Amino acid sequence: MIKEEKRSNQPVTLAALCETDRRYRLLTDNAIDVLATTDLWGKVTFVTPSIRRLTAYEPDEVIGQKIGFLLSEADTIKISKAIAEELIKEKRPKINHRRYWRADLNIKIKTGGTAPCEVRTAFLRGVDKKPIGVIMEFHDVAERVDNRQKMQRLAETNQKILDYSPIGIFLTDAFGVVEYVNEEMVGISGGPKDKLIGLNILEHKPYQEIGVVDMILSSMKSKQPFRTGVVHYKSVYGNKATDRIFGGVPIVDEVGEVDKFLLTVKDVTDLIEANSELEKFNRLMVGRELKMIELKKEIEQLRQKLKLINKK
């Protein structure tokens, strides 16, 4: 009776095993990340088919190889050192058996080159919880690295724009403390750069007196930019007098709060002087033009008189 019951359960157990195997293959065949296992000496014992997508290697080409087959010498040393350090930790009285550690590594591509990966590593454990191997999860971060490089290039470009801008620039934190000042601003102010870095422009008395501080505070509150007309300003450094146009742009963070403030200062002293000289020149030319008109009238009057005399 018992034998018949066991025999009748066998098809059910076999079907369940087949279903489990089917699901397992479906998972490993379609996984995006690469899972690989090694023994404690770095020999690859298993790798998912997703290795093809990442490296163009077939699983059979990788299984049986040392992990260095997939990694550079430097990265192999890096991961081997990490595993050795984690094995030492296993001797501690209390240890987290579910811990893992991560590293940024480059995995080799069969056709040449490498692919950047974030690798999470943990121990495979036996029934006694002791390490019997290593499992590694390779996550392709090429897109993330590419975006990071693009952001870095953009940041470098923006930095050059700030550095070589023909307009003076202050960049402050949300409290008005100067974190960056470009060379043009140093020239406009007439003061040393180290005196400008750390300056709180909201507490800067000359800016308070000409109303720029009020405009900055209003701009921070409304999160709207501002621009002044021409302001005559005398710098506290070297008593340098200039005509300036101030502008401000609040920079908000991801939650919409003001994180930085960009204050621009355009020195228009030379432009105003040039316009003044041009106006003087124009007035002079107009005066000369009027004199020429008067002179022409007088000449015409003399001609008319001569005509009358000749007729007589």
Protein backbone atom coordinates (compact mmCIF):
# COMPACT_ATOMS: atom_id res chain seq x y z
CA MET A 1 0.00 0.00 0.00
CA ILE A 2 2.79 2.38 0.98
CA LYS A 3 4.85 1.36 -2.07
CA GLU A 4 1.91 2.06 -4.37
CA GLU A 5 1.43 5.51 -2.77
CA LYS A 6 5.11 6.39 -3.26
CA ARG A 7 4.96 5.18 -6.85
CA SER A 8 1.87 7.28 -7.53
CA ASN A 9 3.66 10.43 -6.26
CA GLN A 10 6.64 9.93 -8.58
CA PRO A 11 4.99 11.47 -11.72
CA VAL A 12 3.92 14.50 -9.68
CA THR A 13 7.44 14.95 -8.28
CA LEU A 14 9.00 14.50 -11.73
CA ALA A 15 6.62 17.03 -13.26
CA ALA A 16 7.44 19.51 -10.50
CA LEU A 17 11.16 19.01 -11.08
CA CYS A 18 10.71 19.52 -14.82
CA GLU A 19 8.75 22.71 -14.20
CA THR A 20 11.42 23.99 -11.81
CA ASP A 21 14.12 23.18 -14.37
CA ARG A 22 12.12 24.96 -17.10
CA ARG A 23 11.72 28.09 -15.01
CA TYR A 24 15.39 28.02 -14.05
CA ARG A 25 16.48 27.79 -17.71
CA LEU A 26 14.03 30.51 -18.67
CA LEU A 27 15.56 32.75 -16.01
CA THR A 28 19.22 32.04 -16.81
CA ASP A 29 18.71 32.16 -20.60
CA ASN A 30 17.03 35.58 -20.46
CA ALA A 31 18.81 37.27 -17.57
CA ILE A 32 20.33 40.64 -18.43
CA ASP A 33 23.05 40.54 -15.78
CA VAL A 34 25.71 37.84 -15.88
CA LEU A 35 25.92 35.38 -13.00
CA ALA A 36 29.09 33.38 -12.59
CA THR A 37 30.31 31.01 -9.90
CA THR A 38 33.86 30.00 -9.11
CA ASP A 39 35.52 27.73 -6.60
CA LEU A 40 37.58 29.34 -3.84
CA TRP A 41 40.64 29.26 -6.10
CA GLY A 42 39.04 31.32 -8.87
CA LYS A 43 38.10 28.57 -11.35
CA VAL A 44 34.80 29.30 -13.13
CA THR A 45 32.27 26.54 -12.44
CA PHE A 46 29.15 28.12 -13.97
CA VAL A 47 28.13 31.15 -16.01
CA THR A 48 24.75 32.22 -17.37
CA PRO A 49 24.11 32.42 -21.14
CA SER A 50 23.87 36.23 -20.80
CA ILE A 51 27.67 36.16 -20.98
CA ARG A 52 27.18 36.10 -24.77
CA ARG A 53 25.40 39.46 -24.78
CA LEU A 54 28.04 41.12 -22.62
CA THR A 55 31.29 39.60 -23.89
CA ALA A 56 30.46 37.52 -27.03
CA TYR A 57 31.99 34.49 -25.28
CA GLU A 58 30.02 31.23 -25.15
CA PRO A 59 29.46 29.82 -21.65
CA ASP A 60 31.52 26.71 -22.56
CA GLU A 61 34.48 28.96 -23.43
CA VAL A 62 34.45 30.45 -19.94
CA ILE A 63 33.54 27.49 -17.70
CA GLY A 64 36.72 25.80 -16.49
CA GLN A 65 38.84 28.91 -16.98
CA LYS A 66 40.33 31.01 -14.20
CA ILE A 67 38.41 34.24 -13.48
CA GLY A 68 41.41 36.10 -14.93
CA PHE A 69 40.21 34.88 -18.34
CA LEU A 70 37.46 37.50 -18.08
CA LEU A 71 39.32 40.20 -16.13
CA SER A 72 42.49 42.22 -16.53
CA GLU A 73 45.47 41.37 -14.37
CA ALA A 74 44.85 44.40 -12.14
CA ASP A 75 41.15 43.55 -11.70
CA THR A 76 41.98 39.87 -11.05
CA ILE A 77 44.34 40.91 -8.26
CA LYS A 78 41.69 43.30 -6.95
CA ILE A 79 38.94 40.66 -6.74
CA SER A 80 41.30 37.96 -5.42
CA LYS A 81 42.48 40.28 -2.66
CA ALA A 82 38.87 41.09 -1.72
CA ILE A 83 37.96 37.37 -1.54
CA ALA A 84 41.01 36.66 0.63
CA GLU A 85 40.07 39.48 3.00
CA GLU A 86 36.50 38.22 3.24
CA LEU A 87 37.73 34.67 3.98
CA ILE A 88 39.73 36.04 6.91
CA LYS A 89 36.55 37.65 8.25
CA GLU A 90 34.93 34.20 8.28
CA LYS A 91 37.06 33.35 11.33
CA ARG A 92 35.24 35.93 13.42
CA PRO A 93 32.80 34.63 16.08
CA LYS A 94 29.90 36.59 14.61
CA ILE A 95 29.67 37.01 10.87
CA ASN A 96 26.91 38.00 8.45
CA HIS A 97 26.60 35.02 6.10
CA ARG A 98 24.41 36.99 3.70
CA ARG A 99 26.86 39.84 3.14
CA TYR A 100 28.22 40.78 -0.27
CA TRP A 101 30.76 43.27 -1.52
CA ARG A 102 30.90 45.33 -4.71
CA ALA A 103 33.61 46.57 -7.05
CA ASP A 104 33.85 48.43 -10.36
CA LEU A 105 35.65 46.14 -12.81
CA ASN A 106 36.14 45.87 -16.57
CA ILE A 107 35.18 42.56 -18.19
CA LYS A 108 36.98 41.47 -21.35
CA ILE A 109 35.13 41.34 -24.68
CA LYS A 110 36.01 38.52 -27.07
CA THR A 111 36.39 40.84 -30.07
CA GLY A 112 38.66 43.17 -28.11
CA GLY A 113 38.31 45.87 -25.52
CA THR A 114 36.43 45.77 -22.24
CA ALA A 115 33.01 46.60 -20.82
CA PRO A 116 32.66 48.44 -17.49
CA CYS A 117 30.70 46.46 -14.91
CA GLU A 118 29.53 46.81 -11.36
CA VAL A 119 30.30 43.45 -9.77
CA ARG A 120 28.62 42.19 -6.62
CA THR A 121 30.33 39.23 -5.02
CA ALA A 122 29.32 36.84 -2.23
CA PHE A 123 30.22 33.38 -0.99
CA LEU A 124 28.43 30.19 -1.98
CA ARG A 125 27.90 28.26 1.25
CA GLY A 126 27.44 24.63 2.17
CA VAL A 127 24.95 23.21 4.65
CA ASP A 128 27.33 24.17 7.45
CA LYS A 129 27.33 27.81 6.23
CA LYS A 130 31.03 27.65 5.38
CA PRO A 131 32.22 29.10 2.03
CA ILE A 132 32.53 26.51 -0.74
CA GLY A 133 32.72 28.90 -3.67
CA VAL A 134 32.05 32.40 -4.93
CA ILE A 135 29.12 33.86 -6.86
CA MET A 136 29.60 37.03 -8.90
CA GLU A 137 26.95 39.21 -10.50
CA PHE A 138 28.20 41.37 -13.41
CA HIS A 139 25.99 44.37 -14.14
CA ASP A 140 26.76 46.25 -17.36
CA VAL A 141 27.20 49.95 -16.53
CA ALA A 142 28.49 51.11 -19.94
CA GLU A 143 25.53 53.48 -20.39
CA ARG A 144 25.98 54.87 -16.89
CA VAL A 145 29.72 55.38 -17.46
CA ASP A 146 29.02 56.99 -20.85
CA ASN A 147 26.50 59.38 -19.27
CA ARG A 148 28.95 60.15 -16.48
CA GLN A 149 31.65 60.98 -19.02
CA LYS A 150 29.24 63.18 -20.96
CA MET A 151 28.31 65.00 -17.76
CA GLN A 152 32.01 65.40 -16.96
CA ARG A 153 32.71 66.86 -20.40
CA LEU A 154 29.70 69.17 -20.03
CA ALA A 155 30.94 70.28 -16.62
CA GLU A 156 34.40 70.98 -18.05
CA THR A 157 32.85 72.98 -20.90
CA ASN A 158 30.73 74.98 -18.48
CA GLN A 159 33.79 75.61 -16.33
CA LYS A 160 35.67 77.00 -19.34
CA ILE A 161 32.70 79.23 -20.18
CA LEU A 162 32.77 80.61 -16.64
CA ASP A 163 36.55 80.95 -16.56
CA TYR A 164 36.87 82.79 -19.87
CA SER A 165 33.62 84.75 -19.84
CA PRO A 166 34.05 88.46 -20.69
CA ILE A 167 31.59 89.17 -17.86
CA GLY A 168 32.52 89.04 -14.18
CA ILE A 169 30.94 86.10 -12.36
CA PHE A 170 30.35 85.26 -8.70
CA LEU A 171 28.91 81.84 -7.79
CA THR A 172 27.60 81.68 -4.24
CA ASP A 173 25.90 79.13 -2.03
CA ALA A 174 22.28 79.57 -0.93
CA PHE A 175 23.43 81.95 1.83
CA GLY A 176 25.38 84.30 -0.45
CA VAL A 177 28.89 83.05 0.37
CA VAL A 178 31.13 83.20 -2.71
CA GLU A 179 32.38 79.76 -3.78
CA TYR A 180 33.75 80.71 -7.19
CA VAL A 181 34.92 83.88 -8.91
CA ASN A 182 36.28 84.12 -12.45
CA GLU A 183 39.32 86.11 -13.57
CA GLU A 184 37.21 88.81 -15.22
CA MET A 185 35.54 89.52 -11.87
CA VAL A 186 38.93 89.67 -10.16
CA GLY A 187 39.99 92.29 -12.72
CA ILE A 188 36.78 94.30 -12.32
CA SER A 189 36.95 94.33 -8.52
CA GLY A 190 40.65 95.18 -8.39
CA GLY A 191 41.04 92.90 -5.38
CA PRO A 192 42.90 89.61 -4.81
CA LYS A 193 41.01 86.41 -5.58
CA ASP A 194 41.54 84.94 -2.11
CA LYS A 195 39.74 87.95 -0.61
CA LEU A 196 36.72 87.41 -2.84
CA ILE A 197 36.34 83.66 -2.16
CA GLY A 198 34.37 83.31 1.07
CA LEU A 199 32.94 86.83 0.85
CA ASN A 200 29.25 86.98 1.80
CA ILE A 201 27.76 89.28 -0.83
CA LEU A 202 24.53 89.58 1.18
CA GLU A 203 26.55 91.22 3.96
CA HIS A 204 28.72 93.27 1.59
CA LYS A 205 27.94 96.89 2.55
CA PRO A 206 28.65 98.51 -0.87
CA TYR A 207 26.20 96.05 -2.49
CA GLN A 208 23.66 96.87 0.21
CA GLU A 209 24.00 100.60 -0.44
CA ILE A 210 23.34 100.35 -4.18
CA GLY A 211 20.37 97.99 -3.72
CA VAL A 212 21.95 94.88 -5.27
CA VAL A 213 21.51 92.83 -2.09
CA ASP A 214 17.76 93.57 -2.03
CA MET A 215 17.54 92.44 -5.66
CA ILE A 216 19.42 89.21 -4.87
CA LEU A 217 17.14 88.42 -1.92
CA SER A 218 14.05 89.13 -4.03
CA SER A 219 15.42 86.94 -6.82
CA MET A 220 16.10 84.07 -4.40
CA LYS A 221 12.56 84.34 -3.05
CA SER A 222 10.83 84.53 -6.44
CA LYS A 223 13.35 82.18 -8.13
CA GLN A 224 13.42 84.67 -11.02
CA PRO A 225 16.49 86.34 -12.58
CA PHE A 226 17.11 90.08 -12.44
CA ARG A 227 19.15 92.72 -14.25
CA THR A 228 19.97 96.27 -13.21
CA GLY A 229 20.58 99.37 -15.25
CA VAL A 230 23.97 101.10 -15.17
CA VAL A 231 25.20 101.54 -11.59
CA HIS A 232 28.18 103.73 -10.67
CA TYR A 233 30.20 101.72 -8.18
CA LYS A 234 33.43 102.28 -6.27
CA SER A 235 35.23 99.08 -5.31
CA VAL A 236 36.48 98.63 -1.75
CA TYR A 237 39.67 97.21 -3.24
CA GLY A 238 41.90 100.00 -4.51
CA ASN A 239 39.00 102.47 -4.50
CA LYS A 240 38.43 101.58 -8.17
CA ALA A 241 35.45 103.41 -9.71
CA THR A 242 33.50 101.60 -12.42
CA ASP A 243 30.14 101.70 -14.14
CA ARG A 244 28.49 98.29 -13.83
CA ILE A 245 25.42 96.36 -14.84
CA PHE A 246 24.49 93.62 -12.35
CA GLY A 247 22.53 90.47 -13.13
CA GLY A 248 21.46 87.51 -11.02
CA VAL A 249 20.22 83.97 -11.66
CA PRO A 250 19.02 81.69 -8.82
CA ILE A 251 20.01 78.04 -9.38
CA VAL A 252 17.51 75.58 -7.91
CA ASP A 253 18.06 71.95 -6.91
CA GLU A 254 15.94 68.91 -7.81
CA VAL A 255 13.28 69.81 -5.22
CA GLY A 256 12.99 73.41 -6.40
CA GLU A 257 14.94 75.09 -3.59
CA VAL A 258 17.66 77.68 -4.29
CA ASP A 259 20.98 75.86 -4.03
CA LYS A 260 23.36 78.36 -5.68
CA PHE A 261 23.24 81.92 -6.94
CA LEU A 262 24.98 83.26 -10.03
CA LEU A 263 25.77 86.99 -9.86
CA THR A 264 27.08 88.59 -13.03
CA VAL A 265 28.87 91.93 -13.19
CA LYS A 266 29.47 93.68 -16.51
CA ASP A 267 31.95 96.54 -16.50
CA VAL A 268 30.59 99.14 -18.95
CA THR A 269 32.93 101.95 -17.92
CA ASP A 270 34.83 101.99 -21.23
CA LEU A 271 31.58 101.71 -23.18
CA ILE A 272 30.02 104.68 -21.38
CA GLU A 273 33.20 106.72 -21.83
CA ALA A 274 33.25 105.81 -25.51
CA ASN A 275 29.57 106.79 -25.85
CA SER A 276 30.32 110.07 -24.08
CA GLU A 277 33.17 110.82 -26.47
CA LEU A 278 30.95 109.89 -29.39
CA GLU A 279 28.26 112.28 -28.17
CA LYS A 280 30.85 115.05 -27.87
CA PHE A 281 32.05 114.32 -31.37
CA ASN A 282 28.49 114.29 -32.70
CA ARG A 283 27.76 117.63 -31.02
CA LEU A 284 30.95 119.04 -32.51
CA MET A 285 30.04 117.75 -35.95
CA VAL A 286 26.51 119.10 -35.63
CA GLY A 287 27.95 122.48 -34.62
CA ARG A 288 30.26 122.46 -37.60
CA GLU A 289 27.41 121.42 -39.88
CA LEU A 290 25.31 124.33 -38.61
CA LYS A 291 28.20 126.72 -39.21
CA MET A 292 28.61 125.37 -42.73
CA ILE A 293 24.91 125.95 -43.36
CA GLU A 294 25.21 129.52 -42.09
CA LEU A 295 28.33 130.06 -44.19
CA LYS A 296 26.54 128.77 -47.31
CA LYS A 297 23.67 131.17 -46.63
CA GLU A 298 26.07 134.12 -46.32
CA ILE A 299 27.85 133.12 -49.56
CA GLU A 300 24.51 132.86 -51.35
CA GLN A 301 23.53 136.31 -50.07
CA LEU A 302 26.83 137.80 -51.38
CA ARG A 303 26.19 136.21 -54.76
CA GLN A 304 22.79 137.80 -54.93
CA LYS A 305 24.26 141.23 -54.07
CA LEU A 306 26.94 140.84 -56.76
CA LYS A 307 24.26 140.02 -59.33
CA LEU A 308 22.38 143.21 -58.44
CA ILE A 309 25.55 145.33 -58.70
CA ASN A 310 26.43 143.82 -62.11
CA LYS A 311 22.94 144.62 -63.46
CA LYS A 312 23.41 148.28 -62.56
